[in-house]
Amino acid sequence: MKLQAEQAQLLPPEALATFRLRFTAGAGGFSLVGTAEHITDRLALLAEEGIDGVLLTWVDYYDGIERFNADVLPALEKLGLRDPFTPANGLLG
């Protein structure tokens, strides 16, 4: 880690920012990091390209899933990219 930190100092700030973003996205995966609006836009882009499902993860799972459910899912519903949630047998969760 010390060696990586030393080498990172050699990168231009723009390259380091890109590296950090790709690292948070799983070593080069499709990044879904940012505001709820940004994440909604990125998921809409995937939908436009024919992707109909994604696997998500968060560093802080409980906080991430709570914010995703509260902010991103309703935005996807408004765009028509997701059907509204209907609890099975009238039960939540």
C-alpha atoms as a PDB file:
ATOM      1  CA  MET A   1       0.000   0.000   0.000  1.00  0.00           C
ATOM      2  CA  LYS A   2       2.870   2.339   0.804  1.00  0.00           C
ATOM      3  CA  LEU A   3       4.355   1.748  -2.647  1.00  0.00           C
ATOM      4  CA  GLN A   4       0.992   2.378  -4.311  1.00  0.00           C
ATOM      5  CA  ALA A   5       0.594   5.621  -2.379  1.00  0.00           C
ATOM      6  CA  GLU A   6       4.055   6.743  -3.485  1.00  0.00           C
ATOM      7  CA  GLN A   7       3.327   5.890  -7.123  1.00  0.00           C
ATOM      8  CA  ALA A   8      -0.011   7.699  -6.993  1.00  0.00           C
ATOM      9  CA  GLN A   9       1.874  10.918  -6.280  1.00  0.00           C
ATOM     10  CA  LEU A  10       3.406  10.637  -9.758  1.00  0.00           C
ATOM     11  CA  LEU A  11       0.014  10.728 -11.506  1.00  0.00           C
ATOM     12  CA  PRO A  12      -1.518  13.964 -12.773  1.00  0.00           C
ATOM     13  CA  PRO A  13      -4.539  14.973 -10.634  1.00  0.00           C
ATOM     14  CA  GLU A  14      -6.990  14.143 -13.459  1.00  0.00           C
ATOM     15  CA  ALA A  15      -5.565  10.644 -13.882  1.00  0.00           C
ATOM     16  CA  LEU A  16      -5.648  10.051 -10.130  1.00  0.00           C
ATOM     17  CA  ALA A  17      -9.307  11.132  -9.991  1.00  0.00           C
ATOM     18  CA  THR A  18     -10.165   8.711 -12.816  1.00  0.00           C
ATOM     19  CA  PHE A  19      -8.219   5.931 -11.088  1.00  0.00           C
ATOM     20  CA  ARG A  20     -10.071   6.520  -7.820  1.00  0.00           C
ATOM     21  CA  LEU A  21     -13.454   6.461  -9.563  1.00  0.00           C
ATOM     22  CA  ARG A  22     -12.657   3.223 -11.389  1.00  0.00           C
ATOM     23  CA  PHE A  23     -11.342   1.655  -8.199  1.00  0.00           C
ATOM     24  CA  THR A  24     -14.599   2.452  -6.386  1.00  0.00           C
ATOM     25  CA  ALA A  25     -16.483   0.878  -9.290  1.00  0.00           C
ATOM     26  CA  GLY A  26     -14.749  -2.457  -8.812  1.00  0.00           C
ATOM     27  CA  ALA A  27     -11.491  -2.150 -10.710  1.00  0.00           C
ATOM     28  CA  GLY A  28     -12.905  -0.781 -13.924  1.00  0.00           C
ATOM     29  CA  GLY A  29     -16.576  -1.737 -13.742  1.00  0.00           C
ATOM     30  CA  PHE A  30     -19.430   0.566 -14.714  1.00  0.00           C
ATOM     31  CA  SER A  31     -19.394   3.277 -12.076  1.00  0.00           C
ATOM     32  CA  LEU A  32     -22.565   4.094 -10.165  1.00  0.00           C
ATOM     33  CA  VAL A  33     -21.082   6.560  -7.709  1.00  0.00           C
ATOM     34  CA  GLY A  34     -22.584   9.953  -6.977  1.00  0.00           C
ATOM     35  CA  THR A  35     -25.901  11.640  -6.372  1.00  0.00           C
ATOM     36  CA  ALA A  36     -29.211   9.840  -6.774  1.00  0.00           C
ATOM     37  CA  GLU A  37     -29.785  11.853  -9.956  1.00  0.00           C
ATOM     38  CA  HIS A  38     -26.403  10.815 -11.392  1.00  0.00           C
ATOM     39  CA  ILE A  39     -26.987   7.152 -10.540  1.00  0.00           C
ATOM     40  CA  THR A  40     -30.478   7.291 -12.070  1.00  0.00           C
ATOM     41  CA  ASP A  41     -29.015   8.801 -15.255  1.00  0.00           C
ATOM     42  CA  ARG A  42     -26.349   6.088 -15.432  1.00  0.00           C
ATOM     43  CA  LEU A  43     -28.926   3.318 -14.946  1.00  0.00           C
ATOM     44  CA  ALA A  44     -31.103   4.922 -17.642  1.00  0.00           C
ATOM     45  CA  LEU A  45     -28.091   4.831 -19.969  1.00  0.00           C
ATOM     46  CA  LEU A  46     -27.681   1.116 -19.319  1.00  0.00           C
ATOM     47  CA  ALA A  47     -31.396   0.571 -19.989  1.00  0.00           C
ATOM     48  CA  GLU A  48     -31.112   2.459 -23.300  1.00  0.00           C
ATOM     49  CA  GLU A  49     -28.366   0.026 -24.309  1.00  0.00           C
ATOM     50  CA  GLY A  50     -30.548  -2.989 -23.519  1.00  0.00           C
ATOM     51  CA  ILE A  51     -29.310  -3.893 -20.046  1.00  0.00           C
ATOM     52  CA  ASP A  52     -32.270  -4.970 -17.940  1.00  0.00           C
ATOM     53  CA  GLY A  53     -30.556  -5.880 -14.691  1.00  0.00           C
ATOM     54  CA  VAL A  54     -27.501  -4.986 -12.619  1.00  0.00           C
ATOM     55  CA  LEU A  55     -25.685  -6.327  -9.588  1.00  0.00           C
ATOM     56  CA  LEU A  56     -25.047  -3.606  -7.013  1.00  0.00           C
ATOM     57  CA  THR A  57     -22.930  -3.342  -3.909  1.00  0.00           C
ATOM     58  CA  TRP A  58     -22.105  -0.599  -1.428  1.00  0.00           C
ATOM     59  CA  VAL A  59     -19.202   0.072   0.921  1.00  0.00           C
ATOM     60  CA  ASP A  60     -21.756   0.774   3.675  1.00  0.00           C
ATOM     61  CA  TYR A  61     -24.533  -1.602   2.653  1.00  0.00           C
ATOM     62  CA  TYR A  62     -27.245  -0.436   5.055  1.00  0.00           C
ATOM     63  CA  ASP A  63     -26.806   3.262   4.286  1.00  0.00           C
ATOM     64  CA  GLY A  64     -26.405   2.631   0.559  1.00  0.00           C
ATOM     65  CA  ILE A  65     -29.454   0.416   0.131  1.00  0.00           C
ATOM     66  CA  GLU A  66     -31.570   2.776   2.238  1.00  0.00           C
ATOM     67  CA  ARG A  67     -30.634   5.795   0.100  1.00  0.00           C
ATOM     68  CA  PHE A  68     -30.990   3.769  -3.121  1.00  0.00           C
ATOM     69  CA  ASN A  69     -34.491   2.650  -2.130  1.00  0.00           C
ATOM     70  CA  ALA A  70     -35.551   6.124  -1.006  1.00  0.00           C
ATOM     71  CA  ASP A  71     -34.061   8.188  -3.844  1.00  0.00           C
ATOM     72  CA  VAL A  72     -33.084   6.139  -6.899  1.00  0.00           C
ATOM     73  CA  LEU A  73     -35.911   3.609  -7.167  1.00  0.00           C
ATOM     74  CA  PRO A  74     -38.672   6.272  -7.186  1.00  0.00           C
ATOM     75  CA  ALA A  75     -36.743   8.194  -9.868  1.00  0.00           C
ATOM     76  CA  LEU A  76     -36.519   5.029 -11.979  1.00  0.00           C
ATOM     77  CA  GLU A  77     -40.266   4.547 -11.549  1.00  0.00           C
ATOM     78  CA  LYS A  78     -40.908   8.104 -12.786  1.00  0.00           C
ATOM     79  CA  LEU A  79     -38.820   7.372 -15.881  1.00  0.00           C
ATOM     80  CA  GLY A  80     -40.817   4.200 -16.512  1.00  0.00           C
ATOM     81  CA  LEU A  81     -37.746   2.031 -16.029  1.00  0.00           C
ATOM     82  CA  ARG A  82     -39.139   0.240 -13.002  1.00  0.00           C
ATOM     83  CA  ASP A  83     -42.606  -0.869 -11.975  1.00  0.00           C
ATOM     84  CA  PRO A  84     -43.820   0.480  -8.640  1.00  0.00           C
ATOM     85  CA  PHE A  85     -43.216  -1.858  -5.732  1.00  0.00           C
ATOM     86  CA  THR A  86     -46.253  -3.924  -4.757  1.00  0.00           C
ATOM     87  CA  PRO A  87     -45.885  -5.934  -1.544  1.00  0.00           C
ATOM     88  CA  ALA A  88     -46.796  -9.622  -1.821  1.00  0.00           C
ATOM     89  CA  ASN A  89     -49.868 -10.523   0.238  1.00  0.00           C
ATOM     90  CA  GLY A  90     -50.039  -6.944   1.525  1.00  0.00           C
ATOM     91  CA  LEU A  91     -46.845  -7.394   3.546  1.00  0.00           C
ATOM     92  CA  LEU A  92     -43.874  -5.055   3.500  1.00  0.00           C
ATOM     93  CA  GLY A  93     -40.418  -6.639   3.542  1.00  0.00           C
END
